[in-house]
Amino acid sequence: MTSLAPVEDKLDLRDKFLSVLKAAATQRKRRTALVSAPGGVGRSEPEWVAFERRAMAEVVDAARAARGLAAASPERLQRAERIAVGHVDYMEKFALYCAEIALGENDAS
């Protein structure tokens, strides 16, 4: 069973990550080109999507390193992003899921 971090830690990280994601989102109009998307040959996505995912990966991995945890797999962040997509509060959900990853919640044993 995975231990859960205190709620305050998770919410603090969520707020920090949400700020990072919002700052990255300001680049959307400047990053409209299509780039290769993960998960398959011939798939593409707007550059801003990849840019925001990289920004989140950097802060998640920094938070994990500060806790003595290995970097999160790209697939794990992509899964968190995929789950958040389509929600009215996409940014908040993605930031929260990234906070859970940063804290090591649900890491494979």
C-alpha atoms as a PDB file:
ATOM      1  CA  MET A   1       0.000   0.000   0.000  1.00  0.00           C
ATOM      2  CA  THR A   2       1.325   3.414  -0.963  1.00  0.00           C
ATOM      3  CA  SER A   3       1.551   5.995   1.785  1.00  0.00           C
ATOM      4  CA  LEU A   4      -0.037   9.351   1.091  1.00  0.00           C
ATOM      5  CA  ALA A   5       1.647  12.670   1.735  1.00  0.00           C
ATOM      6  CA  PRO A   6      -0.033  15.201   4.008  1.00  0.00           C
ATOM      7  CA  VAL A   7      -2.766  17.082   2.174  1.00  0.00           C
ATOM      8  CA  GLU A   8      -1.034  20.400   2.839  1.00  0.00           C
ATOM      9  CA  ASP A   9       2.101  19.215   0.998  1.00  0.00           C
ATOM     10  CA  LYS A  10       0.045  18.062  -1.957  1.00  0.00           C
ATOM     11  CA  LEU A  11      -1.908  21.317  -2.136  1.00  0.00           C
ATOM     12  CA  ASP A  12       1.256  23.425  -1.843  1.00  0.00           C
ATOM     13  CA  LEU A  13       2.819  21.534  -4.729  1.00  0.00           C
ATOM     14  CA  ARG A  14      -0.394  21.733  -6.727  1.00  0.00           C
ATOM     15  CA  ASP A  15      -0.409  25.518  -6.331  1.00  0.00           C
ATOM     16  CA  LYS A  16       3.257  25.769  -7.354  1.00  0.00           C
ATOM     17  CA  PHE A  17       2.723  23.512 -10.356  1.00  0.00           C
ATOM     18  CA  LEU A  18      -0.418  25.385 -11.351  1.00  0.00           C
ATOM     19  CA  SER A  19       1.603  28.613 -11.434  1.00  0.00           C
ATOM     20  CA  VAL A  20       4.205  26.944 -13.651  1.00  0.00           C
ATOM     21  CA  LEU A  21       1.537  25.584 -15.981  1.00  0.00           C
ATOM     22  CA  LYS A  22      -0.220  28.942 -16.238  1.00  0.00           C
ATOM     23  CA  ALA A  23       3.075  30.657 -17.030  1.00  0.00           C
ATOM     24  CA  ALA A  24       3.839  28.072 -19.719  1.00  0.00           C
ATOM     25  CA  ALA A  25       0.340  28.547 -21.166  1.00  0.00           C
ATOM     26  CA  THR A  26       1.143  32.177 -21.925  1.00  0.00           C
ATOM     27  CA  GLN A  27       3.368  30.808 -24.712  1.00  0.00           C
ATOM     28  CA  ARG A  28       0.532  29.083 -26.584  1.00  0.00           C
ATOM     29  CA  LYS A  29       0.066  31.749 -29.261  1.00  0.00           C
ATOM     30  CA  ARG A  30       3.801  31.671 -30.020  1.00  0.00           C
ATOM     31  CA  ARG A  31       4.038  27.865 -30.188  1.00  0.00           C
ATOM     32  CA  THR A  32       1.506  26.836 -32.806  1.00  0.00           C
ATOM     33  CA  ALA A  33       3.695  24.633 -35.006  1.00  0.00           C
ATOM     34  CA  LEU A  34       3.045  20.912 -35.047  1.00  0.00           C
ATOM     35  CA  VAL A  35       5.696  18.668 -33.501  1.00  0.00           C
ATOM     36  CA  SER A  36       6.022  14.911 -33.134  1.00  0.00           C
ATOM     37  CA  ALA A  37       3.789  13.551 -30.414  1.00  0.00           C
ATOM     38  CA  PRO A  38       4.725  10.696 -28.128  1.00  0.00           C
ATOM     39  CA  GLY A  39       3.067   7.371 -28.641  1.00  0.00           C
ATOM     40  CA  GLY A  40       3.309   6.628 -32.283  1.00  0.00           C
ATOM     41  CA  VAL A  41       4.869   7.258 -35.643  1.00  0.00           C
ATOM     42  CA  GLY A  42       3.126   9.972 -37.581  1.00  0.00           C
ATOM     43  CA  ARG A  43       1.374  11.494 -34.584  1.00  0.00           C
ATOM     44  CA  SER A  44       1.686  15.214 -34.051  1.00  0.00           C
ATOM     45  CA  GLU A  45       0.565  17.789 -31.535  1.00  0.00           C
ATOM     46  CA  PRO A  46       0.833  21.561 -31.196  1.00  0.00           C
ATOM     47  CA  GLU A  47       4.225  22.657 -29.920  1.00  0.00           C
ATOM     48  CA  TRP A  48       2.588  24.364 -26.929  1.00  0.00           C
ATOM     49  CA  VAL A  49       1.298  21.015 -25.676  1.00  0.00           C
ATOM     50  CA  ALA A  50       4.802  19.548 -25.669  1.00  0.00           C
ATOM     51  CA  PHE A  51       6.196  22.761 -24.135  1.00  0.00           C
ATOM     52  CA  GLU A  52       3.730  22.677 -21.235  1.00  0.00           C
ATOM     53  CA  ARG A  53       4.364  18.973 -20.641  1.00  0.00           C
ATOM     54  CA  ARG A  54       8.141  19.609 -20.516  1.00  0.00           C
ATOM     55  CA  ALA A  55       7.650  22.482 -18.078  1.00  0.00           C
ATOM     56  CA  MET A  56       5.655  20.214 -15.800  1.00  0.00           C
ATOM     57  CA  ALA A  57       8.180  17.386 -16.121  1.00  0.00           C
ATOM     58  CA  GLU A  58      10.968  19.728 -15.005  1.00  0.00           C
ATOM     59  CA  VAL A  59       9.194  20.873 -11.834  1.00  0.00           C
ATOM     60  CA  VAL A  60       7.895  17.398 -11.021  1.00  0.00           C
ATOM     61  CA  ASP A  61      11.354  15.887 -11.373  1.00  0.00           C
ATOM     62  CA  ALA A  62      12.918  18.671  -9.276  1.00  0.00           C
ATOM     63  CA  ALA A  63      10.370  18.008  -6.517  1.00  0.00           C
ATOM     64  CA  ARG A  64      10.977  14.258  -6.747  1.00  0.00           C
ATOM     65  CA  ALA A  65      14.752  14.745  -6.591  1.00  0.00           C
ATOM     66  CA  ALA A  66      14.333  16.905  -3.476  1.00  0.00           C
ATOM     67  CA  ARG A  67      12.557  13.920  -1.914  1.00  0.00           C
ATOM     68  CA  GLY A  68      15.173  11.401  -3.027  1.00  0.00           C
ATOM     69  CA  LEU A  69      12.924   9.930  -5.714  1.00  0.00           C
ATOM     70  CA  ALA A  70      13.905   9.041  -9.273  1.00  0.00           C
ATOM     71  CA  ALA A  71      12.615  11.101 -12.169  1.00  0.00           C
ATOM     72  CA  ALA A  72       9.060  10.346 -13.262  1.00  0.00           C
ATOM     73  CA  SER A  73       8.658   8.498 -16.509  1.00  0.00           C
ATOM     74  CA  PRO A  74       7.375  10.524 -19.462  1.00  0.00           C
ATOM     75  CA  GLU A  75       4.548   8.011 -19.753  1.00  0.00           C
ATOM     76  CA  ARG A  76       3.443   8.746 -16.206  1.00  0.00           C
ATOM     77  CA  LEU A  77       3.178  12.476 -16.920  1.00  0.00           C
ATOM     78  CA  GLN A  78       1.426  11.813 -20.221  1.00  0.00           C
ATOM     79  CA  ARG A  79      -1.100   9.620 -18.431  1.00  0.00           C
ATOM     80  CA  ALA A  80      -1.753  12.355 -15.840  1.00  0.00           C
ATOM     81  CA  GLU A  81      -2.208  14.880 -18.618  1.00  0.00           C
ATOM     82  CA  ARG A  82      -4.528  12.570 -20.564  1.00  0.00           C
ATOM     83  CA  ILE A  83      -6.738  12.068 -17.502  1.00  0.00           C
ATOM     84  CA  ALA A  84      -6.985  15.844 -16.981  1.00  0.00           C
ATOM     85  CA  VAL A  85      -7.806  16.660 -20.613  1.00  0.00           C
ATOM     86  CA  GLY A  86     -11.443  17.506 -21.191  1.00  0.00           C
ATOM     87  CA  HIS A  87     -12.113  18.675 -17.661  1.00  0.00           C
ATOM     88  CA  VAL A  88     -13.316  22.221 -17.157  1.00  0.00           C
ATOM     89  CA  ASP A  89     -10.549  22.595 -14.594  1.00  0.00           C
ATOM     90  CA  TYR A  90      -7.880  20.913 -16.754  1.00  0.00           C
ATOM     91  CA  MET A  91      -4.991  22.980 -15.398  1.00  0.00           C
ATOM     92  CA  GLU A  92      -5.933  22.376 -11.775  1.00  0.00           C
ATOM     93  CA  LYS A  93      -6.379  18.652 -12.361  1.00  0.00           C
ATOM     94  CA  PHE A  94      -3.091  18.298 -14.257  1.00  0.00           C
ATOM     95  CA  ALA A  95      -1.266  20.253 -11.535  1.00  0.00           C
ATOM     96  CA  LEU A  96      -2.826  18.075  -8.814  1.00  0.00           C
ATOM     97  CA  TYR A  97      -1.950  14.824 -10.602  1.00  0.00           C
ATOM     98  CA  CYS A  98       1.601  16.119 -11.065  1.00  0.00           C
ATOM     99  CA  ALA A  99       1.776  16.906  -7.333  1.00  0.00           C
ATOM    100  CA  GLU A 100       0.813  13.307  -6.587  1.00  0.00           C
ATOM    101  CA  ILE A 101       3.555  12.079  -8.916  1.00  0.00           C
ATOM    102  CA  ALA A 102       6.072  14.470  -7.328  1.00  0.00           C
ATOM    103  CA  LEU A 103       5.241  13.123  -3.894  1.00  0.00           C
ATOM    104  CA  GLY A 104       5.699   9.530  -5.032  1.00  0.00           C
ATOM    105  CA  GLU A 105       2.068   8.595  -4.571  1.00  0.00           C
ATOM    106  CA  ASN A 106       1.173   5.421  -6.428  1.00  0.00           C
ATOM    107  CA  ASP A 107       4.775   4.792  -7.470  1.00  0.00           C
ATOM    108  CA  ALA A 108       5.314   1.165  -8.402  1.00  0.00           C
ATOM    109  CA  SER A 109       6.865  -0.791  -5.563  1.00  0.00           C
END
